Amino acid sequence: MYKTPCSRLSGLIGVGVKQKLVQHVPLRKQAARSLIQLHKRDPSSWLTYQHLNFLKRQYVAKNSSELHQRAAPKPSPALTAVDERDDGVERRAQRIPTIDPVVTDTVPQAEDVPGKAQPGGSTSEPNADDAAAQKDSASPDETPHVHEETDEARDARLDRQWKLLKVDVAELPDIYAKLAKINLTALVVTSAAAGYAMAPVPFDPLTFFVASLGTCLASCAANSINQYFEVPFDSNMNRTKNRPLVRGQISPLHAVSFALACGIPGIALLTAAVNPLTGFLGALNIFLYTCCYTPLKRHSITNTWVGAVVGAIPPVMGWTAATGCLEPGALLMGGFLYSWQFPHFNALSWNLREDYSRGGYRMMSVTHPGMCKRVALRHSLGLIGLSTLAPVLDVTTWTFPVVSLPINLYISYLAFRFHRQGDRGSARKLFFCSLWHLPMLLLLALTCKKPRGEQEAPPTAAAALALQS
């Protein structure tokens, strides 16, 4: 079957076409050049074969080198959701009354006598339908019956359309864990603890616990707000379609309340119990993650760099929680997390390109695949330079660059393979290597930490006697 082409008319067809042209072109300029200019200026208003009623729904079939034209049957209109009626609500149809015949003979005939047998062997007793019809026709001025939906029927119809949200209290811990992205929050707390442990001050368990708790609450708040904003986009991705807000396990108001219940006490705890600088960094991290990184994911690939800054702040918070000031060692710990995130996330997003594309997220792996591989290799090599910079800043001893060189070279080798091959296998290997590389790197840095800032021991009795003498 070949559909007839919508070729355009080359002349004037009837008075209707002439009137259409008169609206645009004066009567004195009906030349062919004017018609061509009219068509070029406003081709949408030009008359085509689609406007002719007798050519609608026409198909051309080729058979034995001859063209036969036939009209396709008009399809029955599809029943839309608006036209559908509720089967659970009974509706009453109005009965049309019958017209009584005009009786001209006053003498009752055999068929008019009730109870008398008819020729067909049946009596003339009126049945129930005829009685109802006569009752309906007795009052011609009565308004026709209009169905009014009862409250019970309306509630039943709404119950089928809307699902009542019921939250099971036993499921709330699992829902809160998913809402807070418990695995990501654990990584944030671990990096903050590493920053606290690397600070050149004596270890204070109470301050460490309060700082870790405040960082955990701030991370839970940021992740919850992030999921609140990304519900319509997460529903299009296989990786995120089972999140609580997407599945409707809790309401958006519940999620925002949980975020506020975590964020406000967390920032207050960091500000009052630790120090104002750490509280400011926690609030800044929530702002960057929810108001900068989250909307940038759908507009620009710079979201990856902003997200790397968000991931680099927790170890800085741990350092400032211990020392109360921002030092070069804190920036070095943040640099480790900043550079590590590029091979980690770029390798992860490479195998999720289809998901990110369906969700509408502009990631390097989707829009700039070559840059995605180059940046992962560049920052993998940058980890070697940062490890060398650690003893220069008096954070670790010179043993740390040596013992960390094998794992840094290995992740750089996998990043180089990912850069050269760019397949799913190389990306998967680089991602799984990044999972154990960061804990190992932080553990080696803690092992090679330069001893500094120990409190002076109280003088002994012999030393006191020596001083007195």
Protein backbone atom coordinates (compact mmCIF):
# COMPACT_ATOMS: atom_id res chain seq x y z
CA MET A 1 0.00 0.00 0.00
CA TYR A 2 1.28 3.40 -0.94
CA LYS A 3 -0.25 6.54 0.45
CA THR A 4 -1.07 9.31 -2.02
CA PRO A 5 1.42 12.18 -1.87
CA CYS A 6 0.21 15.50 -0.59
CA SER A 7 1.11 17.42 -3.77
CA ARG A 8 0.16 21.05 -3.86
CA LEU A 9 -2.27 22.62 -6.27
CA SER A 10 -0.72 24.71 -9.02
CA GLY A 11 -3.76 26.80 -9.98
CA LEU A 12 -6.99 28.21 -8.69
CA ILE A 13 -9.68 25.72 -7.65
CA GLY A 14 -13.11 27.19 -7.37
CA VAL A 15 -14.31 30.29 -5.66
CA GLY A 16 -13.05 29.20 -2.24
CA VAL A 17 -9.45 29.15 -3.42
CA LYS A 18 -9.90 32.49 -5.09
CA GLN A 19 -11.21 34.05 -1.91
CA LYS A 20 -8.24 32.62 0.00
CA LEU A 21 -5.82 34.22 -2.42
CA VAL A 22 -7.62 37.54 -2.39
CA GLN A 23 -6.93 37.87 1.31
CA HIS A 24 -3.19 37.94 0.66
CA VAL A 25 -2.66 39.18 -2.90
CA PRO A 26 -4.47 42.08 -4.58
CA LEU A 27 -6.80 41.25 -7.46
CA ARG A 28 -4.69 43.14 -9.95
CA LYS A 29 -1.59 41.04 -9.25
CA GLN A 30 -2.69 37.47 -9.92
CA ALA A 31 0.41 36.57 -11.87
CA ALA A 32 2.24 33.27 -11.43
CA ARG A 33 5.15 35.01 -9.72
CA SER A 34 2.81 36.37 -7.05
CA LEU A 35 1.44 32.90 -6.42
CA ILE A 36 4.94 31.49 -5.99
CA GLN A 37 5.88 34.29 -3.60
CA LEU A 38 2.71 33.64 -1.64
CA HIS A 39 3.56 29.97 -1.35
CA LYS A 40 7.10 30.72 -0.17
CA ARG A 41 5.94 33.32 2.34
CA ASP A 42 3.18 31.28 3.97
CA PRO A 43 3.29 27.63 2.84
CA SER A 44 1.19 26.43 5.77
CA SER A 45 -1.89 28.36 4.61
CA TRP A 46 -1.66 27.06 1.01
CA LEU A 47 -4.37 24.65 -0.03
CA THR A 48 -3.35 21.01 -0.44
CA TYR A 49 -5.07 17.81 -1.30
CA GLN A 50 -5.40 17.14 2.41
CA HIS A 51 -8.12 19.81 2.53
CA LEU A 52 -10.39 18.02 0.07
CA ASN A 53 -12.93 15.80 1.75
CA PHE A 54 -13.28 13.30 -1.07
CA LEU A 55 -9.55 12.51 -1.02
CA LYS A 56 -9.41 11.71 2.68
CA ARG A 57 -8.63 8.12 3.69
CA GLN A 58 -7.69 7.18 0.13
CA TYR A 59 -5.08 4.52 -0.56
CA VAL A 60 -3.53 3.43 -3.81
CA ALA A 61 -2.86 -0.25 -4.55
CA LYS A 62 -0.71 -1.39 -7.43
CA ASN A 63 -2.04 -4.50 -9.20
CA SER A 64 -1.07 -5.74 -12.67
CA SER A 65 0.59 -2.43 -13.58
CA GLU A 66 -2.69 -0.62 -12.96
CA LEU A 67 -3.56 1.74 -10.13
CA HIS A 68 -6.84 1.07 -8.39
CA GLN A 69 -8.13 3.52 -5.84
CA ARG A 70 -10.24 2.43 -2.92
CA ALA A 71 -11.41 4.00 0.28
CA ALA A 72 -10.24 2.47 3.52
CA PRO A 73 -13.01 1.80 6.03
CA LYS A 74 -13.28 4.38 8.73
CA PRO A 75 -11.94 2.90 11.96
CA SER A 76 -14.20 2.81 14.95
CA PRO A 77 -13.36 5.55 17.43
CA ALA A 78 -11.13 4.38 20.24
CA LEU A 79 -12.59 4.64 23.70
CA THR A 80 -10.49 7.10 25.63
CA ALA A 81 -10.16 7.48 29.35
CA VAL A 82 -12.55 10.43 29.25
CA ASP A 83 -15.27 8.43 27.49
CA GLU A 84 -14.99 5.43 29.76
CA ARG A 85 -17.85 4.88 32.14
CA ASP A 86 -17.65 3.37 35.56
CA ASP A 87 -18.97 -0.18 35.42
CA GLY A 88 -19.50 -0.29 39.15
CA VAL A 89 -22.16 2.46 39.09
CA GLU A 90 -25.55 1.39 37.77
CA ARG A 91 -27.24 3.80 35.41
CA ARG A 92 -30.88 3.91 34.53
CA ALA A 93 -31.92 4.34 30.91
CA GLN A 94 -34.94 6.42 30.03
CA ARG A 95 -37.69 4.44 28.40
CA ILE A 96 -39.29 5.97 25.37
CA PRO A 97 -43.10 5.73 25.67
CA THR A 98 -45.05 4.05 22.91
CA ILE A 99 -47.65 5.88 20.85
CA ASP A 100 -51.17 4.64 21.54
CA PRO A 101 -53.24 3.96 18.42
CA VAL A 102 -56.23 6.17 17.73
CA VAL A 103 -59.45 4.23 18.38
CA THR A 104 -62.20 5.16 15.90
CA ASP A 105 -64.65 2.35 16.66
CA THR A 106 -66.49 2.63 19.96
CA VAL A 107 -67.70 -0.96 19.81
CA PRO A 108 -65.28 -3.17 21.68
CA GLN A 109 -63.74 -5.80 19.50
CA ALA A 110 -62.63 -9.17 20.50
CA GLU A 111 -59.06 -8.10 20.92
CA ASP A 112 -60.10 -5.18 23.14
CA VAL A 113 -61.89 -7.32 25.72
CA PRO A 114 -59.47 -8.16 28.49
CA GLY A 115 -59.08 -11.80 29.22
CA LYS A 116 -60.49 -12.94 25.91
CA ALA A 117 -58.38 -15.26 23.87
CA GLN A 118 -56.66 -13.90 20.80
CA PRO A 119 -56.38 -15.66 17.50
CA GLY A 120 -52.81 -16.57 18.32
CA GLY A 121 -53.92 -18.31 21.52
CA SER A 122 -52.62 -15.62 23.90
CA THR A 123 -54.53 -13.30 26.16
CA SER A 124 -54.43 -9.52 25.96
CA GLU A 125 -53.32 -8.96 29.56
CA PRO A 126 -50.73 -6.20 29.65
CA ASN A 127 -47.32 -7.24 30.84
CA ALA A 128 -45.10 -5.40 33.33
CA ASP A 129 -43.11 -3.54 30.64
CA ASP A 130 -46.29 -2.14 29.04
CA ALA A 131 -47.55 -1.02 32.42
CA ALA A 132 -44.29 0.75 33.14
CA ALA A 133 -44.40 2.35 29.71
CA GLN A 134 -47.91 3.62 30.27
CA LYS A 135 -46.90 4.96 33.66
CA ASP A 136 -44.01 6.82 32.09
CA SER A 137 -46.17 8.21 29.30
CA ALA A 138 -48.86 9.34 31.73
CA SER A 139 -46.80 12.37 32.71
CA PRO A 140 -45.28 13.81 29.54
CA ASP A 141 -44.18 16.99 31.31
CA GLU A 142 -42.01 15.05 33.76
CA THR A 143 -38.30 15.78 33.35
CA PRO A 144 -36.18 12.89 32.10
CA HIS A 145 -34.25 10.92 34.69
CA VAL A 146 -30.71 12.21 35.27
CA HIS A 147 -28.37 9.93 37.15
CA GLU A 148 -26.81 11.46 40.23
CA GLU A 149 -23.76 9.70 41.57
CA THR A 150 -24.07 8.78 45.20
CA ASP A 151 -21.37 9.39 47.75
CA GLU A 152 -20.68 5.67 48.11
CA ALA A 153 -20.26 5.26 44.36
CA ARG A 154 -17.99 8.28 44.14
CA ASP A 155 -15.83 6.99 46.99
CA ALA A 156 -15.62 3.59 45.31
CA ARG A 157 -14.56 5.20 42.04
CA LEU A 158 -11.92 7.35 43.73
CA ASP A 159 -10.56 4.35 45.61
CA ARG A 160 -9.83 2.68 42.30
CA GLN A 161 -8.03 5.79 41.01
CA TRP A 162 -6.05 6.84 44.08
CA LYS A 163 -4.11 4.62 46.39
CA LEU A 164 -4.21 5.52 50.04
CA LEU A 165 -0.65 5.96 51.34
CA LYS A 166 -0.18 3.80 54.41
CA VAL A 167 3.23 3.79 56.07
CA ASP A 168 4.19 0.74 58.03
CA VAL A 169 6.21 1.70 61.10
CA ALA A 170 8.25 -1.50 60.82
CA GLU A 171 9.46 -0.43 57.36
CA LEU A 172 10.54 3.08 58.38
CA PRO A 173 14.17 2.17 59.29
CA ASP A 174 14.74 0.64 55.87
CA ILE A 175 13.00 3.57 54.16
CA TYR A 176 15.10 6.10 56.09
CA ALA A 177 18.27 4.17 55.22
CA LYS A 178 17.43 4.34 51.52
CA LEU A 179 16.41 7.97 51.77
CA ALA A 180 19.71 8.86 53.43
CA LYS A 181 21.77 6.71 50.99
CA ILE A 182 23.33 4.89 53.87
CA ASN A 183 26.31 3.59 51.86
CA LEU A 184 27.23 7.07 50.64
CA THR A 185 26.73 8.48 54.13
CA ALA A 186 29.06 5.82 55.54
CA LEU A 187 31.74 6.87 53.04
CA VAL A 188 31.29 10.52 54.03
CA VAL A 189 31.64 9.74 57.75
CA THR A 190 34.68 7.54 57.08
CA SER A 191 36.44 10.28 55.15
CA ALA A 192 35.61 12.81 57.89
CA ALA A 193 37.00 10.42 60.51
CA ALA A 194 40.18 10.06 58.46
CA GLY A 195 40.58 13.82 58.34
CA TYR A 196 40.14 14.02 62.12
CA ALA A 197 42.65 11.23 62.70
CA MET A 198 45.25 12.85 60.42
CA ALA A 199 45.12 16.18 62.27
CA PRO A 200 48.28 16.87 64.33
CA VAL A 201 46.48 17.09 67.68
CA PRO A 202 45.77 14.61 70.47
CA PHE A 203 42.79 12.38 69.87
CA ASP A 204 39.64 13.41 71.77
CA PRO A 205 37.00 10.63 71.67
CA LEU A 206 34.08 12.89 72.63
CA THR A 207 34.82 15.51 69.97
CA PHE A 208 35.42 12.76 67.43
CA PHE A 209 32.04 11.18 68.19
CA VAL A 210 30.14 14.48 68.06
CA ALA A 211 31.84 15.49 64.80
CA SER A 212 31.07 12.12 63.21
CA LEU A 213 27.43 12.26 64.34
CA GLY A 214 26.96 15.80 63.05
CA THR A 215 28.55 14.91 59.72
CA CYS A 216 26.30 11.85 59.43
CA LEU A 217 23.16 13.90 60.08
CA ALA A 218 24.20 16.56 57.57
CA SER A 219 24.84 13.90 54.93
CA CYS A 220 21.43 12.31 55.58
CA ALA A 221 19.73 15.67 55.14
CA ALA A 222 21.54 16.45 51.89
CA ASN A 223 20.75 13.04 50.37
CA SER A 224 17.09 13.26 51.35
CA ILE A 225 16.63 16.68 49.76
CA ASN A 226 18.44 15.44 46.67
CA GLN A 227 15.96 12.58 46.27
CA TYR A 228 13.04 14.94 46.89
CA PHE A 229 14.10 17.09 43.91
CA GLU A 230 14.87 14.19 41.57
CA VAL A 231 11.72 12.05 41.88
CA PRO A 232 10.50 12.53 38.26
CA PHE A 233 13.99 11.86 36.91
CA ASP A 234 14.80 8.90 39.15
CA SER A 235 11.62 7.17 37.96
CA ASN A 236 13.14 6.89 34.45
CA MET A 237 16.33 5.17 35.61
CA ASN A 238 16.66 1.51 36.47
CA ARG A 239 19.24 2.26 39.16
CA THR A 240 17.00 4.68 41.06
CA LYS A 241 13.44 3.61 40.26
CA ASN A 242 13.12 1.69 43.56
CA ARG A 243 13.85 4.66 45.81
CA PRO A 244 11.21 5.34 48.50
CA LEU A 245 9.83 8.54 47.00
CA VAL A 246 9.63 7.05 43.51
CA ARG A 247 7.72 4.00 44.75
CA GLY A 248 5.49 6.13 46.95
CA GLN A 249 6.48 4.45 50.21
CA ILE A 250 6.48 7.81 51.97
CA SER A 251 5.07 11.20 51.08
CA PRO A 252 7.25 14.14 49.96
CA LEU A 253 6.31 16.00 53.12
CA HIS A 254 7.54 13.05 55.16
CA ALA A 255 10.86 13.09 53.28
CA VAL A 256 11.34 16.84 53.77
CA SER A 257 10.48 16.49 57.46
CA PHE A 258 13.09 13.76 57.80
CA ALA A 259 15.66 15.99 56.07
CA LEU A 260 14.93 18.89 58.41
CA ALA A 261 14.99 16.60 61.44
CA CYS A 262 18.52 15.53 60.42
CA GLY A 263 19.94 18.73 59.00
CA ILE A 264 19.03 21.26 61.68
CA PRO A 265 20.31 19.20 64.67
CA GLY A 266 23.37 18.12 62.69
CA ILE A 267 24.49 21.67 61.85
CA ALA A 268 23.62 22.88 65.34
CA LEU A 269 25.66 20.06 66.86
CA LEU A 270 28.68 20.81 64.68
CA THR A 271 28.47 24.54 65.41
CA ALA A 272 27.85 24.44 69.15
CA ALA A 273 29.63 21.26 70.28
CA VAL A 274 32.58 21.25 67.88
CA ASN A 275 33.36 24.71 66.43
CA PRO A 276 31.64 27.26 64.16
CA LEU A 277 34.05 26.59 61.26
CA THR A 278 33.04 22.93 61.07
CA GLY A 279 29.36 23.87 61.29
CA PHE A 280 29.80 26.37 58.46
CA LEU A 281 31.48 23.73 56.29
CA GLY A 282 28.63 21.30 56.99
CA ALA A 283 26.00 23.87 56.00
CA LEU A 284 28.02 24.81 52.91
CA ASN A 285 28.20 21.17 51.88
CA ILE A 286 24.42 20.76 52.14
CA PHE A 287 23.93 23.91 50.06
CA LEU A 288 26.40 22.82 47.35
CA TYR A 289 24.90 19.34 47.10
CA THR A 290 21.23 20.31 47.02
CA CYS A 291 21.23 23.74 45.34
CA CYS A 292 24.24 23.51 43.00
CA TYR A 293 25.11 19.91 42.19
CA THR A 294 21.55 18.59 41.96
CA PRO A 295 20.21 21.12 39.39
CA LEU A 296 23.50 21.17 37.45
CA LYS A 297 23.14 17.46 36.70
CA ARG A 298 20.48 18.31 34.10
CA HIS A 299 22.18 21.37 32.60
CA SER A 300 25.97 21.05 32.41
CA ILE A 301 28.79 18.55 32.80
CA THR A 302 30.35 20.87 35.39
CA ASN A 303 28.19 19.03 37.90
CA THR A 304 30.96 16.42 38.19
CA TRP A 305 33.48 19.00 39.39
CA VAL A 306 30.97 20.53 41.80
CA GLY A 307 30.18 17.04 43.11
CA ALA A 308 33.89 16.41 43.60
CA VAL A 309 34.11 19.54 45.77
CA VAL A 310 31.16 18.27 47.81
CA GLY A 311 32.96 14.96 48.37
CA ALA A 312 36.21 16.72 49.31
CA ILE A 313 34.70 18.79 52.14
CA PRO A 314 34.06 15.97 54.72
CA PRO A 315 37.77 15.22 55.41
CA VAL A 316 38.34 18.95 55.73
CA MET A 317 35.50 19.04 58.27
CA GLY A 318 37.21 16.27 60.23
CA TRP A 319 40.49 18.20 60.26
CA THR A 320 38.85 21.45 61.36
CA ALA A 321 36.88 19.58 64.04
CA ALA A 322 40.19 18.50 65.58
CA THR A 323 42.24 21.68 65.11
CA GLY A 324 39.63 24.43 64.80
CA CYS A 325 41.46 26.01 61.86
CA LEU A 326 41.97 25.45 58.14
CA GLU A 327 45.53 24.30 57.43
CA PRO A 328 47.36 22.99 54.34
CA GLY A 329 47.04 19.46 55.67
CA ALA A 330 43.25 19.78 55.59
CA LEU A 331 43.35 20.87 51.96
CA LEU A 332 45.63 17.92 51.18
CA MET A 333 43.13 15.47 52.67
CA GLY A 334 40.39 17.13 50.66
CA GLY A 335 42.57 16.84 47.56
CA PHE A 336 42.80 13.07 47.98
CA LEU A 337 39.02 12.78 47.98
CA TYR A 338 38.68 15.29 45.13
CA SER A 339 40.99 13.44 42.75
CA TRP A 340 39.79 9.99 43.74
CA GLN A 341 36.19 10.77 42.81
CA PHE A 342 36.91 11.23 39.10
CA PRO A 343 38.14 7.70 38.31
CA HIS A 344 35.50 6.35 40.70
CA PHE A 345 32.49 8.20 39.33
CA ASN A 346 33.54 8.34 35.68
CA ALA A 347 33.98 4.58 35.62
CA LEU A 348 30.62 4.13 37.33
CA SER A 349 28.76 6.49 34.99
CA TRP A 350 30.32 4.88 31.89
CA ASN A 351 28.28 1.71 32.33
CA LEU A 352 25.19 3.72 33.28
CA ARG A 353 25.14 5.99 30.24
CA GLU A 354 21.77 4.70 29.06
CA ASP A 355 20.25 5.25 32.48
CA TYR A 356 21.60 8.79 32.79
CA SER A 357 20.41 9.59 29.28
CA ARG A 358 16.87 8.41 30.06
CA GLY A 359 16.91 10.42 33.27
CA GLY A 360 17.98 13.58 31.44
CA TYR A 361 21.29 13.98 33.27
CA ARG A 362 24.20 15.62 31.45
CA MET A 363 27.18 13.53 32.47
CA MET A 364 30.58 13.41 30.82
CA SER A 365 30.04 9.78 29.90
CA VAL A 366 26.89 10.76 27.96
CA THR A 367 27.81 14.04 26.28
CA HIS A 368 31.65 13.99 26.29
CA PRO A 369 32.86 10.36 26.40
CA GLY A 370 36.41 11.24 25.37
CA MET A 371 36.72 13.83 28.13
CA CYS A 372 35.30 11.33 30.60
CA LYS A 373 38.17 8.91 29.96
CA ARG A 374 40.85 11.62 29.92
CA VAL A 375 39.74 13.17 33.21
CA ALA A 376 39.71 9.77 34.92
CA LEU A 377 43.30 9.11 33.81
CA ARG A 378 44.46 12.61 34.70
CA HIS A 379 43.24 12.48 38.29
CA SER A 380 44.47 8.92 38.79
CA LEU A 381 47.96 10.19 38.02
CA GLY A 382 47.26 13.17 40.26
CA LEU A 383 46.95 10.85 43.24
CA ILE A 384 50.66 10.03 42.87
CA GLY A 385 51.54 13.73 43.03
CA LEU A 386 49.35 14.33 46.05
CA SER A 387 50.94 11.40 47.86
CA THR A 388 54.35 12.93 47.20
CA LEU A 389 53.14 16.29 48.48
CA ALA A 390 52.06 14.86 51.85
CA PRO A 391 55.56 14.68 53.45
CA VAL A 392 56.40 18.10 52.01
CA LEU A 393 53.53 19.58 54.04
CA ASP A 394 54.65 17.65 57.15
CA VAL A 395 51.48 15.57 57.18
CA THR A 396 53.21 12.18 56.73
CA THR A 397 56.68 10.82 56.62
CA TRP A 398 58.54 10.11 53.39
CA THR A 399 57.58 6.48 53.74
CA PHE A 400 54.04 7.24 52.61
CA PRO A 401 54.85 8.10 48.95
CA VAL A 402 56.84 4.87 48.69
CA VAL A 403 54.28 2.49 50.22
CA SER A 404 51.36 4.13 48.40
CA LEU A 405 53.08 4.06 45.01
CA PRO A 406 52.00 0.48 44.10
CA ILE A 407 48.28 1.08 44.61
CA ASN A 408 48.48 4.48 42.88
CA LEU A 409 50.27 2.94 39.92
CA TYR A 410 47.71 0.15 39.71
CA ILE A 411 44.70 2.48 39.61
CA SER A 412 46.55 4.62 37.08
CA TYR A 413 47.16 1.54 34.93
CA LEU A 414 43.47 0.64 35.02
CA ALA A 415 42.59 4.24 34.18
CA PHE A 416 44.98 4.07 31.22
CA ARG A 417 43.30 0.88 29.98
CA PHE A 418 39.94 2.56 30.37
CA HIS A 419 41.23 5.51 28.37
CA ARG A 420 42.55 3.30 25.57
CA GLN A 421 39.75 0.72 25.35
CA GLY A 422 36.70 2.53 26.65
CA ASP A 423 34.63 -0.65 27.06
CA ARG A 424 32.40 -1.85 29.85
CA GLY A 425 34.95 -4.33 31.18
CA SER A 426 37.74 -1.78 31.68
CA ALA A 427 35.29 0.66 33.30
CA ARG A 428 34.07 -2.04 35.68
CA LYS A 429 37.60 -2.96 36.74
CA LEU A 430 38.49 0.67 37.40
CA PHE A 431 35.34 1.18 39.47
CA PHE A 432 35.90 -1.86 41.68
CA CYS A 433 39.55 -0.89 42.14
CA SER A 434 38.48 2.54 43.38
CA LEU A 435 36.32 0.92 46.06
CA TRP A 436 39.31 -0.54 47.90
CA HIS A 437 41.88 2.03 46.79
CA LEU A 438 40.58 4.91 48.92
CA PRO A 439 40.39 3.00 52.25
CA MET A 440 43.84 1.58 51.60
CA LEU A 441 45.28 5.00 50.78
CA LEU A 442 43.82 6.60 53.92
CA LEU A 443 45.00 3.71 56.06
CA LEU A 444 48.56 4.01 54.71
CA ALA A 445 48.48 7.77 55.34
CA LEU A 446 47.35 7.18 58.92
CA THR A 447 50.09 4.57 59.40
CA CYS A 448 52.73 6.97 58.09
CA LYS A 449 51.38 9.98 59.97
CA LYS A 450 54.11 12.25 61.21
CA PRO A 451 54.11 12.37 65.03
CA ARG A 452 53.46 15.90 66.10
CA GLY A 453 51.64 17.92 68.73
CA GLU A 454 51.97 15.54 71.67
CA GLN A 455 51.32 17.18 74.98
CA GLU A 456 54.38 17.74 77.08
CA ALA A 457 54.76 15.17 79.85
CA PRO A 458 54.67 16.49 83.44
CA PRO A 459 58.13 16.76 85.01
CA THR A 460 59.24 13.92 87.22
CA ALA A 461 60.42 14.27 90.83
CA ALA A 462 64.08 13.87 89.86
CA ALA A 463 63.76 16.61 87.29
CA ALA A 464 62.08 18.86 89.82
CA LEU A 465 64.93 18.32 92.31
CA ALA A 466 67.45 19.03 89.60
CA LEU A 467 65.73 22.29 88.77
CA GLN A 468 65.65 23.34 92.43
CA SER A 469 69.32 22.59 92.92
